[in-house]
Amino acid sequence: MQRHSTGMMAGGIVMVSFVPIALLAALVANSEQTSCENGYYFSLDGSSSGRGVNCDRFDATIYGGLLGAAVLAGVGIPLIVIGGKKEPVGTAQLAPWATPHGAGLGLRVNL
């Protein structure tokens, strides 16, 4: 027995391992947006930027992180399952044969 595809399985594992990173990016952006909307958002120089000033700029990161996590999980999990499936190893032999009345090739498949 051998795996269907080791590359598919490894690719799926890598994709699924990026799901928490995408979710963390969405979580941080959501936290920043909530702070901005509540007026607790400060700029880098320490001055308050004011309540509700351009707080919608975090939406792309939030939705992108959630959509990215869903796509990575939706593609990565089937890759792991399909790539890790065990299959029987089969062999095929092509052998010439000859008799007094004819000749040819014979194919023998062992599963």
PDB file of N, CA and C in Angstrom:
ATOM      1  N   MET A   1       0.840  -1.181   0.000  1.00  0.00           N
ATOM      2  CA  MET A   1       0.000   0.000   0.000  1.00  0.00           C
ATOM      3  C   MET A   1       0.885   1.244   0.000  1.00  0.00           C
ATOM      4  N   GLN A   2       0.478   2.226  -0.784  1.00  0.00           N
ATOM      5  CA  GLN A   2       1.204   3.485  -0.816  1.00  0.00           C
ATOM      6  C   GLN A   2       0.204   4.639  -0.849  1.00  0.00           C
ATOM      7  N   ARG A   3       0.678   5.837  -0.502  1.00  0.00           N
ATOM      8  CA  ARG A   3      -0.191   7.008  -0.504  1.00  0.00           C
ATOM      9  C   ARG A   3      -0.544   7.391  -1.935  1.00  0.00           C
ATOM     10  N   HIS A   4      -1.731   7.982  -2.087  1.00  0.00           N
ATOM     11  CA  HIS A   4      -2.160   8.422  -3.408  1.00  0.00           C
ATOM     12  C   HIS A   4      -1.200   9.469  -3.952  1.00  0.00           C
ATOM     13  N   SER A   5      -0.908  10.504  -3.150  1.00  0.00           N
ATOM     14  CA  SER A   5       0.022  11.550  -3.563  1.00  0.00           C
ATOM     15  C   SER A   5       0.580  12.236  -2.320  1.00  0.00           C
ATOM     16  N   THR A   6       1.858  12.058  -2.109  1.00  0.00           N
ATOM     17  CA  THR A   6       2.504  12.699  -0.960  1.00  0.00           C
ATOM     18  C   THR A   6       2.524  14.210  -1.136  1.00  0.00           C
ATOM     19  N   GLY A   7       2.682  14.677  -2.371  1.00  0.00           N
ATOM     20  CA  GLY A   7       2.688  16.122  -2.641  1.00  0.00           C
ATOM     21  C   GLY A   7       1.354  16.775  -2.322  1.00  0.00           C
ATOM     22  N   MET A   8       0.262  16.109  -2.675  1.00  0.00           N
ATOM     23  CA  MET A   8      -1.061  16.652  -2.350  1.00  0.00           C
ATOM     24  C   MET A   8      -1.251  16.726  -0.843  1.00  0.00           C
ATOM     25  N   MET A   9      -0.836  15.699  -0.144  1.00  0.00           N
ATOM     26  CA  MET A   9      -0.995  15.674   1.299  1.00  0.00           C
ATOM     27  C   MET A   9      -0.149  16.782   1.945  1.00  0.00           C
ATOM     28  N   ALA A  10       1.092  16.935   1.516  1.00  0.00           N
ATOM     29  CA  ALA A  10       1.956  17.972   2.081  1.00  0.00           C
ATOM     30  C   ALA A  10       1.428  19.366   1.758  1.00  0.00           C
ATOM     31  N   GLY A  11       0.942  19.561   0.536  1.00  0.00           N
ATOM     32  CA  GLY A  11       0.364  20.853   0.171  1.00  0.00           C
ATOM     33  C   GLY A  11      -0.857  21.187   1.008  1.00  0.00           C
ATOM     34  N   GLY A  12      -1.692  20.194   1.273  1.00  0.00           N
ATOM     35  CA  GLY A  12      -2.860  20.405   2.120  1.00  0.00           C
ATOM     36  C   GLY A  12      -2.485  20.761   3.544  1.00  0.00           C
ATOM     37  N   ILE A  13      -1.456  20.123   4.062  1.00  0.00           N
ATOM     38  CA  ILE A  13      -1.003  20.429   5.422  1.00  0.00           C
ATOM     39  C   ILE A  13      -0.489  21.862   5.507  1.00  0.00           C
ATOM     40  N   VAL A  14       0.256  22.289   4.498  1.00  0.00           N
ATOM     41  CA  VAL A  14       0.768  23.668   4.483  1.00  0.00           C
ATOM     42  C   VAL A  14      -0.386  24.657   4.399  1.00  0.00           C
ATOM     43  N   MET A  15      -1.372  24.378   3.545  1.00  0.00           N
ATOM     44  CA  MET A  15      -2.507  25.291   3.412  1.00  0.00           C
ATOM     45  C   MET A  15      -3.306  25.394   4.705  1.00  0.00           C
ATOM     46  N   VAL A  16      -3.551  24.267   5.350  1.00  0.00           N
ATOM     47  CA  VAL A  16      -4.322  24.283   6.597  1.00  0.00           C
ATOM     48  C   VAL A  16      -3.534  24.978   7.709  1.00  0.00           C
ATOM     49  N   SER A  17      -2.214  24.914   7.656  1.00  0.00           N
ATOM     50  CA  SER A  17      -1.421  25.578   8.700  1.00  0.00           C
ATOM     51  C   SER A  17      -1.479  27.106   8.579  1.00  0.00           C
ATOM     52  N   PHE A  18      -1.875  27.642   7.413  1.00  0.00           N
ATOM     53  CA  PHE A  18      -2.011  29.088   7.257  1.00  0.00           C
ATOM     54  C   PHE A  18      -3.376  29.613   7.706  1.00  0.00           C
ATOM     55  N   VAL A  19      -4.323  28.744   7.999  1.00  0.00           N
ATOM     56  CA  VAL A  19      -5.655  29.166   8.433  1.00  0.00           C
ATOM     57  C   VAL A  19      -5.598  29.971   9.733  1.00  0.00           C
ATOM     58  N   PRO A  20      -4.875  29.529  10.772  1.00  0.00           N
ATOM     59  CA  PRO A  20      -4.836  30.341  12.002  1.00  0.00           C
ATOM     60  C   PRO A  20      -4.205  31.712  11.787  1.00  0.00           C
ATOM     61  N   ILE A  21      -3.261  31.820  10.875  1.00  0.00           N
ATOM     62  CA  ILE A  21      -2.630  33.117  10.614  1.00  0.00           C
ATOM     63  C   ILE A  21      -3.642  34.068   9.995  1.00  0.00           C
ATOM     64  N   ALA A  22      -4.440  33.579   9.042  1.00  0.00           N
ATOM     65  CA  ALA A  22      -5.467  34.417   8.421  1.00  0.00           C
ATOM     66  C   ALA A  22      -6.524  34.825   9.441  1.00  0.00           C
ATOM     67  N   LEU A  23      -6.907  33.899  10.310  1.00  0.00           N
ATOM     68  CA  LEU A  23      -7.888  34.234  11.349  1.00  0.00           C
ATOM     69  C   LEU A  23      -7.330  35.233  12.360  1.00  0.00           C
ATOM     70  N   LEU A  24      -6.059  35.117  12.675  1.00  0.00           N
ATOM     71  CA  LEU A  24      -5.432  36.068  13.591  1.00  0.00           C
ATOM     72  C   LEU A  24      -5.383  37.467  12.983  1.00  0.00           C
ATOM     73  N   ALA A  25      -5.091  37.560  11.692  1.00  0.00           N
ATOM     74  CA  ALA A  25      -5.084  38.867  11.018  1.00  0.00           C
ATOM     75  C   ALA A  25      -6.471  39.494  11.049  1.00  0.00           C
ATOM     76  N   ALA A  26      -7.505  38.692  10.825  1.00  0.00           N
ATOM     77  CA  ALA A  26      -8.877  39.206  10.881  1.00  0.00           C
ATOM     78  C   ALA A  26      -9.243  39.641  12.303  1.00  0.00           C
ATOM     79  N   LEU A  27      -8.809  38.891  13.292  1.00  0.00           N
ATOM     80  CA  LEU A  27      -9.099  39.225  14.688  1.00  0.00           C
ATOM     81  C   LEU A  27      -8.437  40.540  15.097  1.00  0.00           C
ATOM     82  N   VAL A  28      -7.184  40.719  14.716  1.00  0.00           N
ATOM     83  CA  VAL A  28      -6.466  41.951  15.058  1.00  0.00           C
ATOM     84  C   VAL A  28      -7.108  43.146  14.365  1.00  0.00           C
ATOM     85  N   ALA A  29      -7.465  42.986  13.091  1.00  0.00           N
ATOM     86  CA  ALA A  29      -8.112  44.084  12.369  1.00  0.00           C
ATOM     87  C   ALA A  29      -9.472  44.421  12.984  1.00  0.00           C
ATOM     88  N   ASN A  30     -10.212  43.412  13.410  1.00  0.00           N
ATOM     89  CA  ASN A  30     -11.501  43.659  14.057  1.00  0.00           C
ATOM     90  C   ASN A  30     -11.312  44.408  15.368  1.00  0.00           C
ATOM     91  N   SER A  31     -10.285  44.049  16.123  1.00  0.00           N
ATOM     92  CA  SER A  31      -9.996  44.738  17.376  1.00  0.00           C
ATOM     93  C   SER A  31      -9.614  46.200  17.121  1.00  0.00           C
ATOM     94  N   GLU A  32      -8.827  46.431  16.091  1.00  0.00           N
ATOM     95  CA  GLU A  32      -8.436  47.798  15.743  1.00  0.00           C
ATOM     96  C   GLU A  32      -9.653  48.618  15.304  1.00  0.00           C
ATOM     97  N   GLN A  33     -10.547  48.011  14.541  1.00  0.00           N
ATOM     98  CA  GLN A  33     -11.737  48.718  14.088  1.00  0.00           C
ATOM     99  C   GLN A  33     -12.644  49.056  15.268  1.00  0.00           C
ATOM    100  N   THR A  34     -12.795  48.138  16.208  1.00  0.00           N
ATOM    101  CA  THR A  34     -13.612  48.401  17.390  1.00  0.00           C
ATOM    102  C   THR A  34     -13.019  49.525  18.222  1.00  0.00           C
ATOM    103  N   SER A  35     -11.708  49.536  18.369  1.00  0.00           N
ATOM    104  CA  SER A  35     -11.049  50.616  19.112  1.00  0.00           C
ATOM    105  C   SER A  35     -11.240  51.949  18.411  1.00  0.00           C
ATOM    106  N   CYS A  36     -11.173  51.937  17.098  1.00  0.00           N
ATOM    107  CA  CYS A  36     -11.349  53.170  16.332  1.00  0.00           C
ATOM    108  C   CYS A  36     -12.771  53.702  16.481  1.00  0.00           C
ATOM    109  N   GLU A  37     -13.748  52.814  16.401  1.00  0.00           N
ATOM    110  CA  GLU A  37     -15.148  53.242  16.502  1.00  0.00           C
ATOM    111  C   GLU A  37     -15.505  53.736  17.895  1.00  0.00           C
ATOM    112  N   ASN A  38     -14.835  53.227  18.922  1.00  0.00           N
ATOM    113  CA  ASN A  38     -15.114  53.654  20.297  1.00  0.00           C
ATOM    114  C   ASN A  38     -14.293  54.861  20.716  1.00  0.00           C
ATOM    115  N   GLY A  39     -13.423  55.359  19.852  1.00  0.00           N
ATOM    116  CA  GLY A  39     -12.645  56.550  20.158  1.00  0.00           C
ATOM    117  C   GLY A  39     -11.379  56.282  20.933  1.00  0.00           C
ATOM    118  N   TYR A  40     -10.959  55.021  21.044  1.00  0.00           N
ATOM    119  CA  TYR A  40      -9.745  54.689  21.782  1.00  0.00           C
ATOM    120  C   TYR A  40      -8.557  54.484  20.859  1.00  0.00           C
ATOM    121  N   TYR A  41      -8.688  54.877  19.629  1.00  0.00           N
ATOM    122  CA  TYR A  41      -7.627  54.654  18.654  1.00  0.00           C
ATOM    123  C   TYR A  41      -6.691  55.853  18.635  1.00  0.00           C
ATOM    124  N   PHE A  42      -5.396  55.615  18.813  1.00  0.00           N
ATOM    125  CA  PHE A  42      -4.411  56.680  18.824  1.00  0.00           C
ATOM    126  C   PHE A  42      -3.450  56.483  17.661  1.00  0.00           C
ATOM    127  N   SER A  43      -2.981  57.568  17.121  1.00  0.00           N
ATOM    128  CA  SER A  43      -2.014  57.490  16.023  1.00  0.00           C
ATOM    129  C   SER A  43      -0.629  57.227  16.597  1.00  0.00           C
ATOM    130  N   LEU A  44       0.343  57.056  15.714  1.00  0.00           N
ATOM    131  CA  LEU A  44       1.701  56.727  16.155  1.00  0.00           C
ATOM    132  C   LEU A  44       2.361  57.859  16.938  1.00  0.00           C
ATOM    133  N   ASP A  45       1.985  59.100  16.681  1.00  0.00           N
ATOM    134  CA  ASP A  45       2.609  60.208  17.412  1.00  0.00           C
ATOM    135  C   ASP A  45       1.965  60.457  18.775  1.00  0.00           C
ATOM    136  N   GLY A  46       0.956  59.664  19.150  1.00  0.00           N
ATOM    137  CA  GLY A  46       0.356  59.764  20.472  1.00  0.00           C
ATOM    138  C   GLY A  46      -0.887  60.615  20.525  1.00  0.00           C
ATOM    139  N   SER A  47      -1.213  61.296  19.437  1.00  0.00           N
ATOM    140  CA  SER A  47      -2.414  62.128  19.455  1.00  0.00           C
ATOM    141  C   SER A  47      -3.631  61.282  19.094  1.00  0.00           C
ATOM    142  N   SER A  48      -4.749  61.636  19.683  1.00  0.00           N
ATOM    143  CA  SER A  48      -5.971  60.895  19.407  1.00  0.00           C
ATOM    144  C   SER A  48      -6.463  61.248  18.012  1.00  0.00           C
ATOM    145  N   SER A  49      -6.851  60.259  17.253  1.00  0.00           N
ATOM    146  CA  SER A  49      -7.289  60.510  15.893  1.00  0.00           C
ATOM    147  C   SER A  49      -8.767  60.869  15.831  1.00  0.00           C
ATOM    148  N   GLY A  50      -9.469  60.814  16.939  1.00  0.00           N
ATOM    149  CA  GLY A  50     -10.888  61.150  16.947  1.00  0.00           C
ATOM    150  C   GLY A  50     -11.751  59.928  16.710  1.00  0.00           C
ATOM    151  N   ARG A  51     -12.967  60.043  17.150  1.00  0.00           N
ATOM    152  CA  ARG A  51     -13.889  58.904  17.068  1.00  0.00           C
ATOM    153  C   ARG A  51     -14.454  58.793  15.655  1.00  0.00           C
ATOM    154  N   GLY A  52     -14.391  57.572  15.107  1.00  0.00           N
ATOM    155  CA  GLY A  52     -15.019  57.292  13.825  1.00  0.00           C
ATOM    156  C   GLY A  52     -14.320  57.860  12.616  1.00  0.00           C
ATOM    157  N   VAL A  53     -13.064  58.203  12.716  1.00  0.00           N
ATOM    158  CA  VAL A  53     -12.342  58.765  11.580  1.00  0.00           C
ATOM    159  C   VAL A  53     -11.758  57.627  10.750  1.00  0.00           C
ATOM    160  N   ASN A  54     -12.333  57.382   9.599  1.00  0.00           N
ATOM    161  CA  ASN A  54     -11.862  56.377   8.638  1.00  0.00           C
ATOM    162  C   ASN A  54     -11.721  54.992   9.279  1.00  0.00           C
ATOM    163  N   CYS A  55     -12.695  54.590  10.053  1.00  0.00           N
ATOM    164  CA  CYS A  55     -12.644  53.279  10.704  1.00  0.00           C
ATOM    165  C   CYS A  55     -12.990  52.139   9.756  1.00  0.00           C
ATOM    166  N   ASP A  56     -13.508  52.460   8.588  1.00  0.00           N
ATOM    167  CA  ASP A  56     -13.868  51.429   7.621  1.00  0.00           C
ATOM    168  C   ASP A  56     -12.660  50.856   6.882  1.00  0.00           C
ATOM    169  N   ARG A  57     -11.499  51.414   7.098  1.00  0.00           N
ATOM    170  CA  ARG A  57     -10.310  50.921   6.392  1.00  0.00           C
ATOM    171  C   ARG A  57      -9.912  49.514   6.841  1.00  0.00           C
ATOM    172  N   PHE A  58     -10.457  49.031   7.947  1.00  0.00           N
ATOM    173  CA  PHE A  58     -10.135  47.697   8.451  1.00  0.00           C
ATOM    174  C   PHE A  58     -11.016  46.608   7.841  1.00  0.00           C
ATOM    175  N   ASP A  59     -12.099  47.004   7.157  1.00  0.00           N
ATOM    176  CA  ASP A  59     -13.042  46.019   6.614  1.00  0.00           C
ATOM    177  C   ASP A  59     -12.383  45.065   5.628  1.00  0.00           C
ATOM    178  N   ALA A  60     -11.531  45.582   4.766  1.00  0.00           N
ATOM    179  CA  ALA A  60     -10.888  44.720   3.758  1.00  0.00           C
ATOM    180  C   ALA A  60     -10.024  43.647   4.415  1.00  0.00           C
ATOM    181  N   THR A  61      -9.325  44.004   5.464  1.00  0.00           N
ATOM    182  CA  THR A  61      -8.481  43.040   6.160  1.00  0.00           C
ATOM    183  C   THR A  61      -9.322  41.998   6.895  1.00  0.00           C
ATOM    184  N   ILE A  62     -10.409  42.444   7.490  1.00  0.00           N
ATOM    185  CA  ILE A  62     -11.275  41.509   8.222  1.00  0.00           C
ATOM    186  C   ILE A  62     -11.888  40.504   7.260  1.00  0.00           C
ATOM    187  N   TYR A  63     -12.538  41.002   6.217  1.00  0.00           N
ATOM    188  CA  TYR A  63     -13.205  40.092   5.278  1.00  0.00           C
ATOM    189  C   TYR A  63     -12.200  39.275   4.474  1.00  0.00           C
ATOM    190  N   GLY A  64     -11.067  39.869   4.144  1.00  0.00           N
ATOM    191  CA  GLY A  64     -10.026  39.120   3.436  1.00  0.00           C
ATOM    192  C   GLY A  64      -9.456  37.994   4.272  1.00  0.00           C
ATOM    193  N   GLY A  65      -9.257  38.244   5.563  1.00  0.00           N
ATOM    194  CA  GLY A  65      -8.753  37.199   6.449  1.00  0.00           C
ATOM    195  C   GLY A  65      -9.738  36.062   6.631  1.00  0.00           C
ATOM    196  N   LEU A  66     -11.012  36.412   6.784  1.00  0.00           N
ATOM    197  CA  LEU A  66     -12.031  35.375   6.946  1.00  0.00           C
ATOM    198  C   LEU A  66     -12.220  34.568   5.663  1.00  0.00           C
ATOM    199  N   LEU A  67     -12.263  35.253   4.524  1.00  0.00           N
ATOM    200  CA  LEU A  67     -12.416  34.555   3.248  1.00  0.00           C
ATOM    201  C   LEU A  67     -11.184  33.712   2.944  1.00  0.00           C
ATOM    202  N   GLY A  68     -10.007  34.253   3.221  1.00  0.00           N
ATOM    203  CA  GLY A  68      -8.777  33.490   3.002  1.00  0.00           C
ATOM    204  C   GLY A  68      -8.715  32.241   3.858  1.00  0.00           C
ATOM    205  N   ALA A  69      -9.135  32.355   5.116  1.00  0.00           N
ATOM    206  CA  ALA A  69      -9.140  31.185   5.999  1.00  0.00           C
ATOM    207  C   ALA A  69     -10.118  30.132   5.503  1.00  0.00           C
ATOM    208  N   ALA A  70     -11.284  30.567   5.031  1.00  0.00           N
ATOM    209  CA  ALA A  70     -12.273  29.614   4.530  1.00  0.00           C
ATOM    210  C   ALA A  70     -11.776  28.908   3.274  1.00  0.00           C
ATOM    211  N   VAL A  71     -11.141  29.649   2.381  1.00  0.00           N
ATOM    212  CA  VAL A  71     -10.628  29.044   1.140  1.00  0.00           C
ATOM    213  C   VAL A  71      -9.478  28.084   1.453  1.00  0.00           C
ATOM    214  N   LEU A  72      -8.561  28.509   2.303  1.00  0.00           N
ATOM    215  CA  LEU A  72      -7.433  27.640   2.653  1.00  0.00           C
ATOM    216  C   LEU A  72      -7.893  26.350   3.311  1.00  0.00           C
ATOM    217  N   ALA A  73      -8.858  26.446   4.211  1.00  0.00           N
ATOM    218  CA  ALA A  73      -9.366  25.232   4.863  1.00  0.00           C
ATOM    219  C   ALA A  73     -10.179  24.383   3.889  1.00  0.00           C
ATOM    220  N   GLY A  74     -10.980  25.045   3.043  1.00  0.00           N
ATOM    221  CA  GLY A  74     -11.821  24.321   2.102  1.00  0.00           C
ATOM    222  C   GLY A  74     -11.049  23.575   1.041  1.00  0.00           C
ATOM    223  N   VAL A  75      -9.873  24.070   0.694  1.00  0.00           N
ATOM    224  CA  VAL A  75      -9.033  23.385  -0.303  1.00  0.00           C
ATOM    225  C   VAL A  75      -8.026  22.459   0.375  1.00  0.00           C
ATOM    226  N   GLY A  76      -7.494  22.874   1.507  1.00  0.00           N
ATOM    227  CA  GLY A  76      -6.447  22.101   2.171  1.00  0.00           C
ATOM    228  C   GLY A  76      -6.920  20.784   2.766  1.00  0.00           C
ATOM    229  N   ILE A  77      -8.099  20.771   3.355  1.00  0.00           N
ATOM    230  CA  ILE A  77      -8.596  19.542   3.983  1.00  0.00           C
ATOM    231  C   ILE A  77      -8.837  18.437   2.952  1.00  0.00           C
ATOM    232  N   PRO A  78      -9.513  18.715   1.815  1.00  0.00           N
ATOM    233  CA  PRO A  78      -9.642  17.643   0.814  1.00  0.00           C
ATOM    234  C   PRO A  78      -8.300  17.180   0.244  1.00  0.00           C
ATOM    235  N   LEU A  79      -7.333  18.092   0.115  1.00  0.00           N
ATOM    236  CA  LEU A  79      -6.016  17.672  -0.354  1.00  0.00           C
ATOM    237  C   LEU A  79      -5.370  16.691   0.614  1.00  0.00           C
ATOM    238  N   ILE A  80      -5.519  16.933   1.907  1.00  0.00           N
ATOM    239  CA  ILE A  80      -4.961  16.013   2.897  1.00  0.00           C
ATOM    240  C   ILE A  80      -5.646  14.651   2.808  1.00  0.00           C
ATOM    241  N   VAL A  81      -6.971  14.667   2.699  1.00  0.00           N
ATOM    242  CA  VAL A  81      -7.730  13.414   2.683  1.00  0.00           C
ATOM    243  C   VAL A  81      -7.428  12.612   1.419  1.00  0.00           C
ATOM    244  N   ILE A  82      -7.476  13.270   0.264  1.00  0.00           N
ATOM    245  CA  ILE A  82      -7.255  12.555  -1.000  1.00  0.00           C
ATOM    246  C   ILE A  82      -5.797  12.133  -1.144  1.00  0.00           C
ATOM    247  N   GLY A  83      -4.879  13.019  -0.797  1.00  0.00           N
ATOM    248  CA  GLY A  83      -3.459  12.694  -0.925  1.00  0.00           C
ATOM    249  C   GLY A  83      -2.987  11.626   0.034  1.00  0.00           C
ATOM    250  N   GLY A  84      -3.606  11.525   1.191  1.00  0.00           N
ATOM    251  CA  GLY A  84      -3.188  10.552   2.190  1.00  0.00           C
ATOM    252  C   GLY A  84      -3.851   9.190   2.070  1.00  0.00           C
ATOM    253  N   LYS A  85      -4.784   9.058   1.127  1.00  0.00           N
ATOM    254  CA  LYS A  85      -5.487   7.777   0.974  1.00  0.00           C
ATOM    255  C   LYS A  85      -4.507   6.695   0.529  1.00  0.00           C
ATOM    256  N   LYS A  86      -4.582   5.555   1.181  1.00  0.00           N
ATOM    257  CA  LYS A  86      -3.699   4.433   0.835  1.00  0.00           C
ATOM    258  C   LYS A  86      -4.302   3.645  -0.329  1.00  0.00           C
ATOM    259  N   GLU A  87      -3.441   3.289  -1.291  1.00  0.00           N
ATOM    260  CA  GLU A  87      -3.865   2.531  -2.462  1.00  0.00           C
ATOM    261  C   GLU A  87      -2.964   1.321  -2.634  1.00  0.00           C
ATOM    262  N   PRO A  88      -3.499   0.256  -3.183  1.00  0.00           N
ATOM    263  CA  PRO A  88      -2.648  -0.907  -3.425  1.00  0.00           C
ATOM    264  C   PRO A  88      -1.663  -0.615  -4.558  1.00  0.00           C
ATOM    265  N   VAL A  89      -0.491  -1.223  -4.418  1.00  0.00           N
ATOM    266  CA  VAL A  89       0.542  -1.053  -5.435  1.00  0.00           C
ATOM    267  C   VAL A  89       0.341  -2.147  -6.477  1.00  0.00           C
ATOM    268  N   GLY A  90       0.175  -1.753  -7.713  1.00  0.00           N
ATOM    269  CA  GLY A  90       0.001  -2.720  -8.794  1.00  0.00           C
ATOM    270  C   GLY A  90       1.217  -2.713  -9.707  1.00  0.00           C
ATOM    271  N   THR A  91       1.468  -3.850 -10.331  1.00  0.00           N
ATOM    272  CA  THR A  91       2.570  -3.949 -11.276  1.00  0.00           C
ATOM    273  C   THR A  91       2.037  -4.460 -12.602  1.00  0.00           C
ATOM    274  N   ALA A  92       2.704  -4.082 -13.652  1.00  0.00           N
ATOM    275  CA  ALA A  92       2.338  -4.547 -14.989  1.00  0.00           C
ATOM    276  C   ALA A  92       3.609  -5.047 -15.671  1.00  0.00           C
ATOM    277  N   GLN A  93       3.490  -6.188 -16.340  1.00  0.00           N
ATOM    278  CA  GLN A  93       4.627  -6.759 -17.065  1.00  0.00           C
ATOM    279  C   GLN A  93       4.237  -6.922 -18.522  1.00  0.00           C
ATOM    280  N   LEU A  94       5.129  -6.514 -19.386  1.00  0.00           N
ATOM    281  CA  LEU A  94       4.950  -6.692 -20.813  1.00  0.00           C
ATOM    282  C   LEU A  94       6.020  -7.672 -21.267  1.00  0.00           C
ATOM    283  N   ALA A  95       5.601  -8.839 -21.744  1.00  0.00           N
ATOM    284  CA  ALA A  95       6.561  -9.891 -22.084  1.00  0.00           C
ATOM    285  C   ALA A  95       6.258 -10.435 -23.491  1.00  0.00           C
ATOM    286  N   PRO A  96       7.304 -10.620 -24.264  1.00  0.00           N
ATOM    287  CA  PRO A  96       7.082 -11.239 -25.579  1.00  0.00           C
ATOM    288  C   PRO A  96       6.860 -12.743 -25.430  1.00  0.00           C
ATOM    289  N   TRP A  97       6.131 -13.331 -26.357  1.00  0.00           N
ATOM    290  CA  TRP A  97       5.925 -14.765 -26.351  1.00  0.00           C
ATOM    291  C   TRP A  97       5.978 -15.266 -27.790  1.00  0.00           C
ATOM    292  N   ALA A  98       6.328 -16.485 -27.901  1.00  0.00           N
ATOM    293  CA  ALA A  98       6.418 -17.088 -29.228  1.00  0.00           C
ATOM    294  C   ALA A  98       6.050 -18.564 -29.151  1.00  0.00           C
ATOM    295  N   THR A  99       5.312 -19.025 -30.135  1.00  0.00           N
ATOM    296  CA  THR A  99       4.957 -20.437 -30.282  1.00  0.00           C
ATOM    297  C   THR A  99       5.266 -20.833 -31.722  1.00  0.00           C
ATOM    298  N   PRO A 100       5.181 -22.095 -32.036  1.00  0.00           N
ATOM    299  CA  PRO A 100       5.445 -22.501 -33.419  1.00  0.00           C
ATOM    300  C   PRO A 100       4.451 -21.893 -34.418  1.00  0.00           C
ATOM    301  N   HIS A 101       3.276 -21.459 -33.950  1.00  0.00           N
ATOM    302  CA  HIS A 101       2.280 -20.938 -34.879  1.00  0.00           C
ATOM    303  C   HIS A 101       2.043 -19.436 -34.760  1.00  0.00           C
ATOM    304  N   GLY A 102       2.728 -18.717 -33.863  1.00  0.00           N
ATOM    305  CA  GLY A 102       2.517 -17.283 -33.727  1.00  0.00           C
ATOM    306  C   GLY A 102       3.427 -16.678 -32.671  1.00  0.00           C
ATOM    307  N   ALA A 103       3.389 -15.344 -32.615  1.00  0.00           N
ATOM    308  CA  ALA A 103       4.188 -14.600 -31.645  1.00  0.00           C
ATOM    309  C   ALA A 103       3.426 -13.328 -31.283  1.00  0.00           C
ATOM    310  N   GLY A 104       3.853 -12.704 -30.212  1.00  0.00           N
ATOM    311  CA  GLY A 104       3.201 -11.464 -29.803  1.00  0.00           C
ATOM    312  C   GLY A 104       3.704 -10.984 -28.465  1.00  0.00           C
ATOM    313  N   LEU A 105       2.958 -10.048 -27.903  1.00  0.00           N
ATOM    314  CA  LEU A 105       3.284  -9.483 -26.600  1.00  0.00           C
ATOM    315  C   LEU A 105       2.158  -9.831 -25.634  1.00  0.00           C
ATOM    316  N   GLY A 106       2.536 -10.139 -24.419  1.00  0.00           N
ATOM    317  CA  GLY A 106       1.558 -10.429 -23.387  1.00  0.00           C
ATOM    318  C   GLY A 106       1.653  -9.402 -22.267  1.00  0.00           C
ATOM    319  N   LEU A 107       0.515  -8.959 -21.770  1.00  0.00           N
ATOM    320  CA  LEU A 107       0.456  -7.994 -20.697  1.00  0.00           C
ATOM    321  C   LEU A 107      -0.135  -8.691 -19.465  1.00  0.00           C
ATOM    322  N   ARG A 108       0.587  -8.636 -18.361  1.00  0.00           N
ATOM    323  CA  ARG A 108       0.122  -9.241 -17.131  1.00  0.00           C
ATOM    324  C   ARG A 108       0.079  -8.151 -16.057  1.00  0.00           C
ATOM    325  N   VAL A 109      -1.078  -7.963 -15.440  1.00  0.00           N
ATOM    326  CA  VAL A 109      -1.260  -6.935 -14.410  1.00  0.00           C
ATOM    327  C   VAL A 109      -1.498  -7.650 -13.081  1.00  0.00           C
ATOM    328  N   ASN A 110      -0.686  -7.302 -12.088  1.00  0.00           N
ATOM    329  CA  ASN A 110      -0.833  -7.839 -10.732  1.00  0.00           C
ATOM    330  C   ASN A 110      -1.266  -6.718  -9.806  1.00  0.00           C
ATOM    331  N   LEU A 111      -2.404  -6.872  -9.169  1.00  0.00           N
ATOM    332  CA  LEU A 111      -2.887  -5.861  -8.226  1.00  0.00           C
ATOM    333  C   LEU A 111      -2.719  -6.341  -6.817  1.00  0.00           C
TER     334      LEU A 111
END
